[in-house]
Amino acid sequence: MARAKINPTPADIAKVERLAGQGFRLEDIAIACDVSVSTLQKWKELPAIATAYRKGRIEATSNVAERLYNLAMSGDVAACIFWLKAQAGWSDRPQPEATAQAEVHIYLPDNGRGSAA
């Protein structure tokens, strides 16, 4: 006999948003909601859960980005470096020289003019 379909409650939706916003993995959110991971995956197809999950992740990313930005603006060197690498495309890898020098070979014929004969 098939198991009864479990539908998310408003409390489940709020829990998904809160936990996603705190960076929890789907496996952990499923445990907190007392459902299987496969059930949570099916729930994520529902507009209310999908929106709650995305909203939670966006809120968390926004909070961390704001904190990082404030640290960088206050002079935290590590935060400045991270921001510039992540947002401005900076890299600490060695870059090729902008003024590459071409190798020139000059071959002079031996025509015997310099010999003392």
Protein backbone atom coordinates (compact mmCIF):
# COMPACT_ATOMS: atom_id res chain seq x y z
CA MET A 1 0.00 0.00 0.00
CA ALA A 2 1.32 3.46 -0.90
CA ARG A 3 2.17 5.89 1.86
CA ALA A 4 0.05 8.98 2.28
CA LYS A 5 1.37 12.11 0.58
CA ILE A 6 2.92 14.56 3.04
CA ASN A 7 2.15 18.20 2.30
CA PRO A 8 4.19 21.01 3.82
CA THR A 9 2.54 23.05 6.54
CA PRO A 10 3.04 26.80 6.93
CA ALA A 11 5.45 25.93 9.77
CA ASP A 12 7.43 23.69 7.38
CA ILE A 13 7.64 26.50 4.82
CA ALA A 14 8.91 28.93 7.46
CA LYS A 15 11.41 26.34 8.70
CA VAL A 16 12.73 25.75 5.17
CA GLU A 17 13.24 29.49 4.67
CA ARG A 18 14.95 29.95 8.06
CA LEU A 19 17.26 26.94 7.74
CA ALA A 20 18.14 27.62 4.10
CA GLY A 21 18.97 31.15 5.19
CA GLN A 22 21.34 29.78 7.80
CA GLY A 23 23.15 27.68 5.18
CA PHE A 24 21.90 24.24 6.15
CA ARG A 25 22.09 21.42 3.60
CA LEU A 26 18.94 19.83 2.19
CA GLU A 27 19.62 16.68 4.22
CA ASP A 28 19.59 18.71 7.43
CA ILE A 29 16.48 20.67 6.46
CA ALA A 30 14.69 17.38 5.72
CA ILE A 31 15.56 16.06 9.17
CA ALA A 32 14.34 19.27 10.80
CA CYS A 33 11.05 19.02 8.87
CA ASP A 34 10.78 15.31 9.79
CA VAL A 35 10.60 14.19 6.14
CA SER A 36 12.89 12.27 3.81
CA VAL A 37 15.27 14.04 1.45
CA SER A 38 13.25 12.77 -1.50
CA THR A 39 10.09 14.29 0.00
CA LEU A 40 11.88 17.61 0.49
CA GLN A 41 13.09 17.45 -3.12
CA LYS A 42 9.45 17.01 -4.21
CA TRP A 43 8.42 19.88 -1.94
CA LYS A 44 11.00 22.10 -3.63
CA GLU A 45 8.94 21.76 -6.81
CA LEU A 46 6.05 23.50 -5.04
CA PRO A 47 6.09 27.27 -5.55
CA ALA A 48 5.78 28.07 -1.83
CA ILE A 49 8.73 25.87 -0.82
CA ALA A 50 10.85 26.84 -3.83
CA THR A 51 10.33 30.53 -3.03
CA ALA A 52 11.01 30.02 0.68
CA TYR A 53 14.22 28.12 -0.06
CA ARG A 54 15.49 30.72 -2.57
CA LYS A 55 14.47 33.60 -0.33
CA GLY A 56 16.34 32.10 2.61
CA ARG A 57 19.50 31.55 0.55
CA ILE A 58 19.35 35.06 -0.90
CA GLU A 59 18.87 36.60 2.53
CA ALA A 60 21.86 34.71 3.93
CA THR A 61 24.08 35.64 0.99
CA SER A 62 22.98 39.25 1.28
CA ASN A 63 23.82 39.36 5.00
CA VAL A 64 27.27 37.85 4.49
CA ALA A 65 28.01 40.09 1.50
CA GLU A 66 27.01 43.16 3.51
CA ARG A 67 29.23 42.09 6.41
CA LEU A 68 32.16 41.43 4.06
CA TYR A 69 31.66 44.77 2.36
CA ASN A 70 31.58 46.60 5.71
CA LEU A 71 34.77 44.81 6.82
CA ALA A 72 36.50 45.74 3.57
CA MET A 73 35.40 49.37 3.86
CA SER A 74 36.68 49.52 7.45
CA GLY A 75 40.13 48.46 6.26
CA ASP A 76 40.19 44.72 6.96
CA VAL A 77 42.91 43.69 4.51
CA ALA A 78 41.76 40.08 4.14
CA ALA A 79 38.21 41.24 3.41
CA CYS A 80 39.54 43.75 0.86
CA ILE A 81 41.58 41.08 -0.92
CA PHE A 82 38.68 38.61 -0.94
CA TRP A 83 36.27 41.24 -2.24
CA LEU A 84 38.62 42.26 -5.04
CA LYS A 85 39.22 38.64 -6.07
CA ALA A 86 35.52 37.75 -5.99
CA GLN A 87 34.00 40.95 -7.35
CA ALA A 88 36.70 42.70 -9.38
CA GLY A 89 38.39 39.71 -11.00
CA TRP A 90 41.72 40.25 -9.26
CA SER A 91 44.10 37.30 -9.00
CA ASP A 92 47.25 36.50 -7.08
CA ARG A 93 48.46 34.15 -9.82
CA PRO A 94 51.47 35.38 -11.77
CA GLN A 95 50.38 37.12 -14.93
CA PRO A 96 52.30 36.88 -18.21
CA GLU A 97 54.54 39.85 -18.96
CA ALA A 98 52.75 42.52 -20.94
CA THR A 99 55.97 43.37 -22.82
CA ALA A 100 57.08 39.98 -24.06
CA GLN A 101 60.44 40.16 -25.81
CA ALA A 102 60.96 38.41 -29.11
CA GLU A 103 64.09 36.36 -29.56
CA VAL A 104 66.12 37.55 -32.55
CA HIS A 105 68.78 35.44 -34.25
CA ILE A 106 71.24 37.07 -36.70
CA TYR A 107 73.17 34.83 -39.05
CA LEU A 108 76.23 36.31 -40.75
CA PRO A 109 77.66 34.60 -43.77
CA ASP A 110 81.32 33.60 -43.67
CA ASN A 111 82.63 35.34 -46.78
CA GLY A 112 86.30 35.32 -45.77
CA ARG A 113 86.74 39.12 -45.53
CA GLY A 114 87.92 39.11 -41.98
CA SER A 115 90.66 36.51 -42.42
CA ALA A 116 94.32 37.52 -42.51
CA ALA A 117 95.73 35.76 -45.50
